[in-house]
Amino acid sequence: MTPLQYSLLSALAVRKTADQTTLAADIALDRTTTTGALKRLAAHNYVERAVNDEDRRARLCKLTPAGAALLAKIEASARAAHRATLDNLSEREQAVFVDMMQRIVAAHSNRDSATALFD
């Protein structure tokens, strides 16, 4: 399980159902990378990817029972790893760091690929 795959499972747990473009925006990655990760998750039966009846080009994704079970199994470890990343910062520094990261992500949320950063 990669951090990207964990992020996708977590986003689907919150949204229940979402198209790949929405999920890409949720985790601040381009659609191509997100689609590849979703295909791998689907191959392991953690995610369903069905054609969207309203837009046949789009795929609607949702967690399978196996995906929900996996997420429940790894959630505590993932959260502990996130906390360990920030452990050496004071509470104030953690708040500032998280705020800055959220601002960076928000400022670049309209970009569809990492290559756009170098334009």
Protein backbone atom coordinates (compact mmCIF):
# COMPACT_ATOMS: atom_id res chain seq x y z
CA MET A 1 0.00 0.00 0.00
CA THR A 2 1.53 3.28 -1.11
CA PRO A 3 0.77 6.70 0.42
CA LEU A 4 -1.08 7.57 -2.81
CA GLN A 5 -3.24 4.45 -2.58
CA TYR A 6 -3.95 5.15 1.09
CA SER A 7 -4.97 8.71 0.19
CA LEU A 8 -7.35 7.44 -2.49
CA LEU A 9 -8.95 4.89 -0.17
CA SER A 10 -9.34 7.58 2.50
CA ALA A 11 -10.90 10.04 0.04
CA LEU A 12 -13.35 7.39 -1.15
CA ALA A 13 -14.26 6.52 2.43
CA VAL A 14 -15.29 10.16 2.93
CA ARG A 15 -16.97 10.72 -0.45
CA LYS A 16 -18.49 7.23 -0.85
CA THR A 17 -18.55 7.64 -4.67
CA ALA A 18 -16.45 9.98 -6.80
CA ASP A 19 -15.14 10.32 -10.32
CA GLN A 20 -11.42 10.09 -10.96
CA THR A 21 -11.04 13.81 -11.65
CA THR A 22 -12.59 14.70 -8.29
CA LEU A 23 -10.36 12.20 -6.51
CA ALA A 24 -7.30 13.62 -8.26
CA ALA A 25 -8.22 17.08 -7.01
CA ASP A 26 -8.89 15.75 -3.50
CA ILE A 27 -5.38 14.38 -3.18
CA ALA A 28 -3.70 17.13 -5.26
CA LEU A 29 -2.34 14.89 -8.01
CA ASP A 30 -2.79 14.78 -11.75
CA ARG A 31 -5.50 12.60 -13.29
CA THR A 32 -3.08 10.25 -15.05
CA THR A 33 -1.27 9.30 -11.85
CA THR A 34 -4.56 8.99 -9.98
CA THR A 35 -6.11 6.82 -12.69
CA GLY A 36 -3.14 4.45 -12.67
CA ALA A 37 -3.34 4.06 -8.89
CA LEU A 38 -7.09 3.47 -9.06
CA LYS A 39 -6.59 0.79 -11.71
CA ARG A 40 -4.11 -0.98 -9.42
CA LEU A 41 -6.51 -0.74 -6.48
CA ALA A 42 -9.31 -2.12 -8.67
CA ALA A 43 -7.08 -5.01 -9.76
CA HIS A 44 -6.79 -5.97 -6.07
CA ASN A 45 -10.57 -5.57 -5.58
CA TYR A 46 -10.19 -2.60 -3.22
CA VAL A 47 -12.02 -0.15 -5.51
CA GLU A 48 -14.79 -0.45 -8.10
CA ARG A 49 -14.50 1.72 -11.22
CA ALA A 50 -17.79 1.84 -13.12
CA VAL A 51 -18.59 3.84 -16.24
CA ASN A 52 -20.54 6.98 -15.31
CA ASP A 53 -24.00 6.83 -16.90
CA GLU A 54 -24.09 10.64 -17.14
CA ASP A 55 -20.66 10.92 -18.83
CA ARG A 56 -19.55 7.71 -20.52
CA ARG A 57 -15.93 8.96 -20.61
CA ALA A 58 -15.76 9.19 -16.82
CA ARG A 59 -15.44 6.45 -14.21
CA LEU A 60 -17.21 6.51 -10.86
CA CYS A 61 -15.20 4.93 -8.09
CA LYS A 62 -16.17 3.52 -4.72
CA LEU A 63 -14.62 1.36 -2.05
CA THR A 64 -15.36 -2.33 -2.10
CA PRO A 65 -15.90 -4.16 1.18
CA ALA A 66 -12.32 -5.44 0.84
CA GLY A 67 -11.06 -1.86 0.37
CA ALA A 68 -12.98 -0.64 3.42
CA ALA A 69 -11.59 -3.54 5.48
CA LEU A 70 -8.03 -2.79 4.36
CA LEU A 71 -8.44 0.90 5.16
CA ALA A 72 -9.75 0.06 8.64
CA LYS A 73 -6.80 -2.28 9.18
CA ILE A 74 -4.11 0.27 8.24
CA GLU A 75 -5.75 3.52 9.43
CA ALA A 76 -4.12 3.56 12.88
CA SER A 77 -0.65 2.86 11.47
CA ALA A 78 -1.04 5.53 8.79
CA ARG A 79 -2.14 8.13 11.32
CA ALA A 80 0.77 7.19 13.62
CA ALA A 81 3.18 7.67 10.69
CA HIS A 82 1.67 11.10 9.99
CA ARG A 83 2.04 12.09 13.64
CA ALA A 84 5.65 10.87 13.70
CA THR A 85 6.41 13.12 10.73
CA LEU A 86 5.49 16.17 12.80
CA ASP A 87 6.69 14.98 16.22
CA ASN A 88 9.77 17.21 16.33
CA LEU A 89 7.69 20.34 15.81
CA SER A 90 5.91 22.22 18.56
CA GLU A 91 2.11 22.43 18.40
CA ARG A 92 2.42 25.99 17.05
CA GLU A 93 4.96 24.91 14.40
CA GLN A 94 2.72 22.01 13.40
CA ALA A 95 -0.23 24.36 12.95
CA VAL A 96 1.85 26.77 10.86
CA PHE A 97 3.27 23.91 8.76
CA VAL A 98 -0.15 22.41 8.05
CA ASP A 99 -1.55 25.85 7.21
CA MET A 100 1.29 26.52 4.75
CA MET A 101 0.89 23.11 3.09
CA GLN A 102 -2.86 23.67 2.70
CA ARG A 103 -2.20 27.08 1.13
CA ILE A 104 0.34 25.58 -1.29
CA VAL A 105 -2.08 22.83 -2.33
CA ALA A 106 -4.94 25.32 -2.73
CA ALA A 107 -2.79 27.65 -4.83
CA HIS A 108 -1.96 24.84 -7.23
CA SER A 109 -5.30 23.03 -7.23
CA ASN A 110 -6.11 24.23 -10.75
CA ARG A 111 -3.08 22.51 -12.22
CA ASP A 112 -3.58 19.15 -13.90
CA SER A 113 -0.02 17.95 -13.86
CA ALA A 114 3.27 18.40 -12.12
CA THR A 115 4.81 19.63 -15.36
CA ALA A 116 2.62 22.73 -15.14
CA LEU A 117 4.71 23.78 -12.15
CA PHE A 118 7.64 24.40 -14.50
CA ASP A 119 5.80 26.53 -17.06
